[in-house]
């Protein structure tokens, strides 16, 4: 059941139209514009949920370390963008983050925690830079608060999916990692689809 729900969610995210665009800060406020930015980008959603899934697979300190590394680095990327510091290939790296994070989840890759956090953080910088590049007329602090909260919620969603898989399969614990890893495969495929689109 959980597997089917996860599959339906990933398929829905992959087919979501990017034409939703982002909320206009003058109409909806800076916080709402920032909050909507990650949620209306399929690439952001898939990558951020994948961080939570990977953290759930690793367990222990990774549950906090990976989301914290992503969000902290995302804020750094946002500040770099506001300061006018260019980062080359931001959009391709964001698409790569979806594929790479999907693959590490699919493989249940276990690396030293510092390496995992550094990888997630590198991608976080790119996501944050993209948020800064589309700030428009929004106020910096409220906008940043919005996308930080949305990102944290997406990481939490990945963690909850991982936790739910463990609870749903407690009678046969070998299934939980299989479910999470299959979601990693779907995430990586979603990233490839977005890159080809």
C-alpha atoms as a PDB file:
ATOM      1  CA  UNK A   1       0.000   0.000   0.000  1.00  0.00           C
ATOM      2  CA  UNK A   2       2.722   2.475   0.995  1.00  0.00           C
ATOM      3  CA  UNK A   3       4.708   1.507  -2.088  1.00  0.00           C
ATOM      4  CA  UNK A   4       1.728   2.309  -4.330  1.00  0.00           C
ATOM      5  CA  UNK A   5       1.166   5.652  -2.614  1.00  0.00           C
ATOM      6  CA  UNK A   6       4.829   6.563  -3.012  1.00  0.00           C
ATOM      7  CA  UNK A   7       4.778   5.498  -6.651  1.00  0.00           C
ATOM      8  CA  UNK A   8       1.665   7.580  -7.306  1.00  0.00           C
ATOM      9  CA  UNK A   9       3.231  10.585  -5.582  1.00  0.00           C
ATOM     10  CA  UNK A  10       6.443  10.396  -7.604  1.00  0.00           C
ATOM     11  CA  UNK A  11       4.544   9.936 -10.880  1.00  0.00           C
ATOM     12  CA  UNK A  12       2.340  12.881  -9.982  1.00  0.00           C
ATOM     13  CA  UNK A  13       5.376  15.034  -9.240  1.00  0.00           C
ATOM     14  CA  UNK A  14       7.065  14.029 -12.487  1.00  0.00           C
ATOM     15  CA  UNK A  15       4.017  14.977 -14.528  1.00  0.00           C
ATOM     16  CA  UNK A  16       3.309  18.223 -12.688  1.00  0.00           C
ATOM     17  CA  UNK A  17       3.503  21.196 -14.963  1.00  0.00           C
ATOM     18  CA  UNK A  18       6.152  23.806 -14.262  1.00  0.00           C
ATOM     19  CA  UNK A  19       3.688  26.359 -15.675  1.00  0.00           C
ATOM     20  CA  UNK A  20       2.417  26.931 -12.141  1.00  0.00           C
ATOM     21  CA  UNK A  21       5.278  29.411 -11.889  1.00  0.00           C
ATOM     22  CA  UNK A  22       5.895  31.115  -8.547  1.00  0.00           C
ATOM     23  CA  UNK A  23       3.703  33.366  -6.476  1.00  0.00           C
ATOM     24  CA  UNK A  24       4.008  37.094  -7.031  1.00  0.00           C
ATOM     25  CA  UNK A  25       5.384  38.692  -3.836  1.00  0.00           C
ATOM     26  CA  UNK A  26       3.394  41.880  -4.422  1.00  0.00           C
ATOM     27  CA  UNK A  27       0.159  39.869  -4.436  1.00  0.00           C
ATOM     28  CA  UNK A  28       0.869  37.087  -1.972  1.00  0.00           C
ATOM     29  CA  UNK A  29       3.688  38.438   0.189  1.00  0.00           C
ATOM     30  CA  UNK A  30       7.378  37.620   0.354  1.00  0.00           C
ATOM     31  CA  UNK A  31       7.029  34.654   2.724  1.00  0.00           C
ATOM     32  CA  UNK A  32       4.409  32.959   0.530  1.00  0.00           C
ATOM     33  CA  UNK A  33       6.523  33.580  -2.570  1.00  0.00           C
ATOM     34  CA  UNK A  34       9.530  31.966  -0.880  1.00  0.00           C
ATOM     35  CA  UNK A  35       7.470  29.095   0.497  1.00  0.00           C
ATOM     36  CA  UNK A  36       5.999  28.330  -2.921  1.00  0.00           C
ATOM     37  CA  UNK A  37       9.318  28.399  -4.768  1.00  0.00           C
ATOM     38  CA  UNK A  38      10.541  24.890  -3.814  1.00  0.00           C
ATOM     39  CA  UNK A  39       7.020  23.456  -3.913  1.00  0.00           C
ATOM     40  CA  UNK A  40       6.321  24.533  -7.491  1.00  0.00           C
ATOM     41  CA  UNK A  41       9.568  23.126  -8.850  1.00  0.00           C
ATOM     42  CA  UNK A  42       9.463  19.380  -9.426  1.00  0.00           C
ATOM     43  CA  UNK A  43      13.257  19.257  -9.395  1.00  0.00           C
ATOM     44  CA  UNK A  44      13.354  20.915  -5.965  1.00  0.00           C
ATOM     45  CA  UNK A  45      10.637  18.657  -4.556  1.00  0.00           C
ATOM     46  CA  UNK A  46      12.248  15.423  -5.735  1.00  0.00           C
ATOM     47  CA  UNK A  47      15.740  16.372  -4.526  1.00  0.00           C
ATOM     48  CA  UNK A  48      14.567  17.584  -1.135  1.00  0.00           C
ATOM     49  CA  UNK A  49      12.422  14.531  -0.444  1.00  0.00           C
ATOM     50  CA  UNK A  50      15.344  12.350  -1.548  1.00  0.00           C
ATOM     51  CA  UNK A  51      17.525  13.979   1.124  1.00  0.00           C
ATOM     52  CA  UNK A  52      14.972  12.871   3.714  1.00  0.00           C
ATOM     53  CA  UNK A  53      14.780   9.371   2.246  1.00  0.00           C
ATOM     54  CA  UNK A  54      18.573   9.009   2.309  1.00  0.00           C
ATOM     55  CA  UNK A  55      18.702  10.278   5.884  1.00  0.00           C
ATOM     56  CA  UNK A  56      16.002   7.751   6.843  1.00  0.00           C
ATOM     57  CA  UNK A  57      17.986   4.928   5.262  1.00  0.00           C
ATOM     58  CA  UNK A  58      21.199   5.948   7.030  1.00  0.00           C
ATOM     59  CA  UNK A  59      19.518   6.566  10.371  1.00  0.00           C
ATOM     60  CA  UNK A  60      21.291   7.806  13.476  1.00  0.00           C
ATOM     61  CA  UNK A  61      22.842  11.271  13.248  1.00  0.00           C
ATOM     62  CA  UNK A  62      22.136  11.425   9.506  1.00  0.00           C
ATOM     63  CA  UNK A  63      18.473  12.061  10.286  1.00  0.00           C
ATOM     64  CA  UNK A  64      19.463  15.548  11.438  1.00  0.00           C
ATOM     65  CA  UNK A  65      22.799  16.044   9.688  1.00  0.00           C
ATOM     66  CA  UNK A  66      21.679  15.684   6.069  1.00  0.00           C
ATOM     67  CA  UNK A  67      18.665  18.010   6.192  1.00  0.00           C
ATOM     68  CA  UNK A  68      20.668  20.524   8.245  1.00  0.00           C
ATOM     69  CA  UNK A  69      23.559  20.424   5.759  1.00  0.00           C
ATOM     70  CA  UNK A  70      21.184  20.971   2.852  1.00  0.00           C
ATOM     71  CA  UNK A  71      19.275  23.845   4.448  1.00  0.00           C
ATOM     72  CA  UNK A  72      22.420  25.532   5.779  1.00  0.00           C
ATOM     73  CA  UNK A  73      24.152  25.312   2.414  1.00  0.00           C
ATOM     74  CA  UNK A  74      21.003  26.471   0.665  1.00  0.00           C
ATOM     75  CA  UNK A  75      21.079  29.647   2.748  1.00  0.00           C
ATOM     76  CA  UNK A  76      24.723  30.165   1.740  1.00  0.00           C
ATOM     77  CA  UNK A  77      23.785  29.738  -1.933  1.00  0.00           C
ATOM     78  CA  UNK A  78      20.937  32.203  -1.491  1.00  0.00           C
ATOM     79  CA  UNK A  79      23.291  34.785   0.040  1.00  0.00           C
ATOM     80  CA  UNK A  80      25.801  34.263  -2.776  1.00  0.00           C
ATOM     81  CA  UNK A  81      23.047  34.932  -5.290  1.00  0.00           C
ATOM     82  CA  UNK A  82      21.938  38.091  -3.489  1.00  0.00           C
ATOM     83  CA  UNK A  83      25.566  39.268  -3.417  1.00  0.00           C
ATOM     84  CA  UNK A  84      25.748  38.828  -7.193  1.00  0.00           C
ATOM     85  CA  UNK A  85      28.257  35.983  -7.033  1.00  0.00           C
ATOM     86  CA  UNK A  86      27.644  33.844 -10.119  1.00  0.00           C
ATOM     87  CA  UNK A  87      27.650  30.057  -9.914  1.00  0.00           C
ATOM     88  CA  UNK A  88      28.103  28.257 -13.219  1.00  0.00           C
ATOM     89  CA  UNK A  89      25.667  25.554 -14.282  1.00  0.00           C
ATOM     90  CA  UNK A  90      23.240  26.020 -11.382  1.00  0.00           C
ATOM     91  CA  UNK A  91      20.237  24.553 -13.201  1.00  0.00           C
ATOM     92  CA  UNK A  92      22.128  21.510 -14.557  1.00  0.00           C
ATOM     93  CA  UNK A  93      23.492  20.864 -11.054  1.00  0.00           C
ATOM     94  CA  UNK A  94      19.967  21.050  -9.634  1.00  0.00           C
ATOM     95  CA  UNK A  95      18.828  18.436 -12.166  1.00  0.00           C
ATOM     96  CA  UNK A  96      21.934  16.395 -11.369  1.00  0.00           C
ATOM     97  CA  UNK A  97      21.001  16.568  -7.681  1.00  0.00           C
ATOM     98  CA  UNK A  98      17.720  14.808  -8.415  1.00  0.00           C
ATOM     99  CA  UNK A  99      19.461  12.008 -10.313  1.00  0.00           C
ATOM    100  CA  UNK A 100      22.404  11.641  -7.924  1.00  0.00           C
ATOM    101  CA  UNK A 101      20.291  11.728  -4.769  1.00  0.00           C
ATOM    102  CA  UNK A 102      17.880   9.261  -6.349  1.00  0.00           C
ATOM    103  CA  UNK A 103      20.789   6.939  -7.143  1.00  0.00           C
ATOM    104  CA  UNK A 104      22.304   7.126  -3.645  1.00  0.00           C
ATOM    105  CA  UNK A 105      18.885   6.282  -2.187  1.00  0.00           C
ATOM    106  CA  UNK A 106      18.385   3.483  -4.722  1.00  0.00           C
ATOM    107  CA  UNK A 107      21.781   2.030  -3.809  1.00  0.00           C
ATOM    108  CA  UNK A 108      21.275   2.731  -0.075  1.00  0.00           C
ATOM    109  CA  UNK A 109      24.782   4.158  -0.292  1.00  0.00           C
ATOM    110  CA  UNK A 110      26.532   4.306   3.075  1.00  0.00           C
ATOM    111  CA  UNK A 111      29.399   6.777   3.118  1.00  0.00           C
ATOM    112  CA  UNK A 112      30.992   8.539   6.087  1.00  0.00           C
ATOM    113  CA  UNK A 113      28.536  11.063   7.486  1.00  0.00           C
ATOM    114  CA  UNK A 114      30.777  14.009   6.594  1.00  0.00           C
ATOM    115  CA  UNK A 115      30.911  12.908   2.957  1.00  0.00           C
ATOM    116  CA  UNK A 116      27.122  12.506   2.835  1.00  0.00           C
ATOM    117  CA  UNK A 117      26.628  15.949   4.365  1.00  0.00           C
ATOM    118  CA  UNK A 118      29.154  17.518   1.970  1.00  0.00           C
ATOM    119  CA  UNK A 119      27.411  16.003  -1.060  1.00  0.00           C
ATOM    120  CA  UNK A 120      24.001  17.142   0.119  1.00  0.00           C
ATOM    121  CA  UNK A 121      25.436  20.554   1.003  1.00  0.00           C
ATOM    122  CA  UNK A 122      26.964  21.044  -2.444  1.00  0.00           C
ATOM    123  CA  UNK A 123      23.565  20.496  -3.997  1.00  0.00           C
ATOM    124  CA  UNK A 124      21.948  22.734  -1.376  1.00  0.00           C
ATOM    125  CA  UNK A 125      24.143  25.652  -2.495  1.00  0.00           C
ATOM    126  CA  UNK A 126      22.824  25.293  -6.050  1.00  0.00           C
ATOM    127  CA  UNK A 127      19.191  25.110  -4.916  1.00  0.00           C
ATOM    128  CA  UNK A 128      19.669  28.198  -2.733  1.00  0.00           C
ATOM    129  CA  UNK A 129      21.347  30.127  -5.533  1.00  0.00           C
ATOM    130  CA  UNK A 130      18.388  29.363  -7.780  1.00  0.00           C
ATOM    131  CA  UNK A 131      15.974  30.627  -5.111  1.00  0.00           C
ATOM    132  CA  UNK A 132      17.960  33.853  -4.875  1.00  0.00           C
ATOM    133  CA  UNK A 133      17.982  34.261  -8.627  1.00  0.00           C
ATOM    134  CA  UNK A 134      14.195  34.343  -8.673  1.00  0.00           C
ATOM    135  CA  UNK A 135      13.555  36.563  -5.652  1.00  0.00           C
ATOM    136  CA  UNK A 136      12.109  39.387  -7.739  1.00  0.00           C
ATOM    137  CA  UNK A 137      10.620  42.102  -5.533  1.00  0.00           C
ATOM    138  CA  UNK A 138      10.319  39.907  -2.444  1.00  0.00           C
ATOM    139  CA  UNK A 139      11.893  40.911   0.857  1.00  0.00           C
ATOM    140  CA  UNK A 140      15.010  38.820   1.508  1.00  0.00           C
ATOM    141  CA  UNK A 141      14.316  37.636   5.063  1.00  0.00           C
ATOM    142  CA  UNK A 142      10.662  36.717   4.594  1.00  0.00           C
ATOM    143  CA  UNK A 143      11.382  35.055   1.256  1.00  0.00           C
ATOM    144  CA  UNK A 144      14.255  33.053   2.769  1.00  0.00           C
ATOM    145  CA  UNK A 145      12.089  32.085   5.728  1.00  0.00           C
ATOM    146  CA  UNK A 146       9.469  30.760   3.316  1.00  0.00           C
ATOM    147  CA  UNK A 147      11.761  28.580   1.241  1.00  0.00           C
ATOM    148  CA  UNK A 148      13.661  27.350   4.306  1.00  0.00           C
ATOM    149  CA  UNK A 149      10.400  26.195   5.910  1.00  0.00           C
ATOM    150  CA  UNK A 150       9.182  24.557   2.681  1.00  0.00           C
ATOM    151  CA  UNK A 151      12.520  22.776   2.272  1.00  0.00           C
ATOM    152  CA  UNK A 152      12.491  21.536   5.870  1.00  0.00           C
ATOM    153  CA  UNK A 153       8.961  20.207   5.351  1.00  0.00           C
ATOM    154  CA  UNK A 154      10.021  18.380   2.181  1.00  0.00           C
ATOM    155  CA  UNK A 155      12.959  16.824   4.036  1.00  0.00           C
ATOM    156  CA  UNK A 156      10.537  15.833   6.814  1.00  0.00           C
ATOM    157  CA  UNK A 157       8.241  14.267   4.203  1.00  0.00           C
ATOM    158  CA  UNK A 158      11.116  12.076   3.012  1.00  0.00           C
ATOM    159  CA  UNK A 159      11.925  11.095   6.586  1.00  0.00           C
ATOM    160  CA  UNK A 160       8.260  10.320   7.285  1.00  0.00           C
ATOM    161  CA  UNK A 161       8.017   8.167   4.174  1.00  0.00           C
ATOM    162  CA  UNK A 162      11.058   6.255   5.413  1.00  0.00           C
ATOM    163  CA  UNK A 163       9.576   5.965   8.902  1.00  0.00           C
ATOM    164  CA  UNK A 164       6.221   4.915   7.443  1.00  0.00           C
ATOM    165  CA  UNK A 165       7.893   2.217   5.361  1.00  0.00           C
ATOM    166  CA  UNK A 166       9.536   0.853   8.508  1.00  0.00           C
ATOM    167  CA  UNK A 167       6.257   0.884  10.442  1.00  0.00           C
ATOM    168  CA  UNK A 168       4.233  -0.617   7.591  1.00  0.00           C
ATOM    169  CA  UNK A 169       6.689  -3.471   7.145  1.00  0.00           C
ATOM    170  CA  UNK A 170       7.584  -4.186  10.769  1.00  0.00           C
ATOM    171  CA  UNK A 171       6.495  -7.830  10.339  1.00  0.00           C
ATOM    172  CA  UNK A 172       8.947  -8.179   7.457  1.00  0.00           C
ATOM    173  CA  UNK A 173      11.628  -5.505   8.022  1.00  0.00           C
ATOM    174  CA  UNK A 174      13.527  -6.399   4.851  1.00  0.00           C
ATOM    175  CA  UNK A 175      10.797  -4.680   2.839  1.00  0.00           C
ATOM    176  CA  UNK A 176      11.283  -1.174   4.247  1.00  0.00           C
ATOM    177  CA  UNK A 177      14.660  -0.552   2.572  1.00  0.00           C
ATOM    178  CA  UNK A 178      13.332  -2.063  -0.644  1.00  0.00           C
ATOM    179  CA  UNK A 179      10.434   0.374  -0.679  1.00  0.00           C
ATOM    180  CA  UNK A 180      12.675   3.352   0.047  1.00  0.00           C
ATOM    181  CA  UNK A 181      15.241   2.235  -2.514  1.00  0.00           C
ATOM    182  CA  UNK A 182      12.547   1.816  -5.161  1.00  0.00           C
ATOM    183  CA  UNK A 183      11.501   5.406  -4.487  1.00  0.00           C
ATOM    184  CA  UNK A 184      15.133   6.336  -5.099  1.00  0.00           C
ATOM    185  CA  UNK A 185      14.975   4.624  -8.486  1.00  0.00           C
ATOM    186  CA  UNK A 186      11.812   6.549  -9.337  1.00  0.00           C
ATOM    187  CA  UNK A 187      13.438   9.794  -8.203  1.00  0.00           C
ATOM    188  CA  UNK A 188      16.485   9.217 -10.397  1.00  0.00           C
ATOM    189  CA  UNK A 189      14.235   8.383 -13.342  1.00  0.00           C
ATOM    190  CA  UNK A 190      12.256  11.545 -12.622  1.00  0.00           C
ATOM    191  CA  UNK A 191      15.480  13.539 -12.757  1.00  0.00           C
ATOM    192  CA  UNK A 192      16.419  11.982 -16.087  1.00  0.00           C
ATOM    193  CA  UNK A 193      12.953  12.763 -17.404  1.00  0.00           C
ATOM    194  CA  UNK A 194      13.246  16.407 -16.312  1.00  0.00           C
ATOM    195  CA  UNK A 195      16.705  16.664 -17.873  1.00  0.00           C
ATOM    196  CA  UNK A 196      15.404  15.330 -21.177  1.00  0.00           C
ATOM    197  CA  UNK A 197      12.272  17.504 -21.190  1.00  0.00           C
END
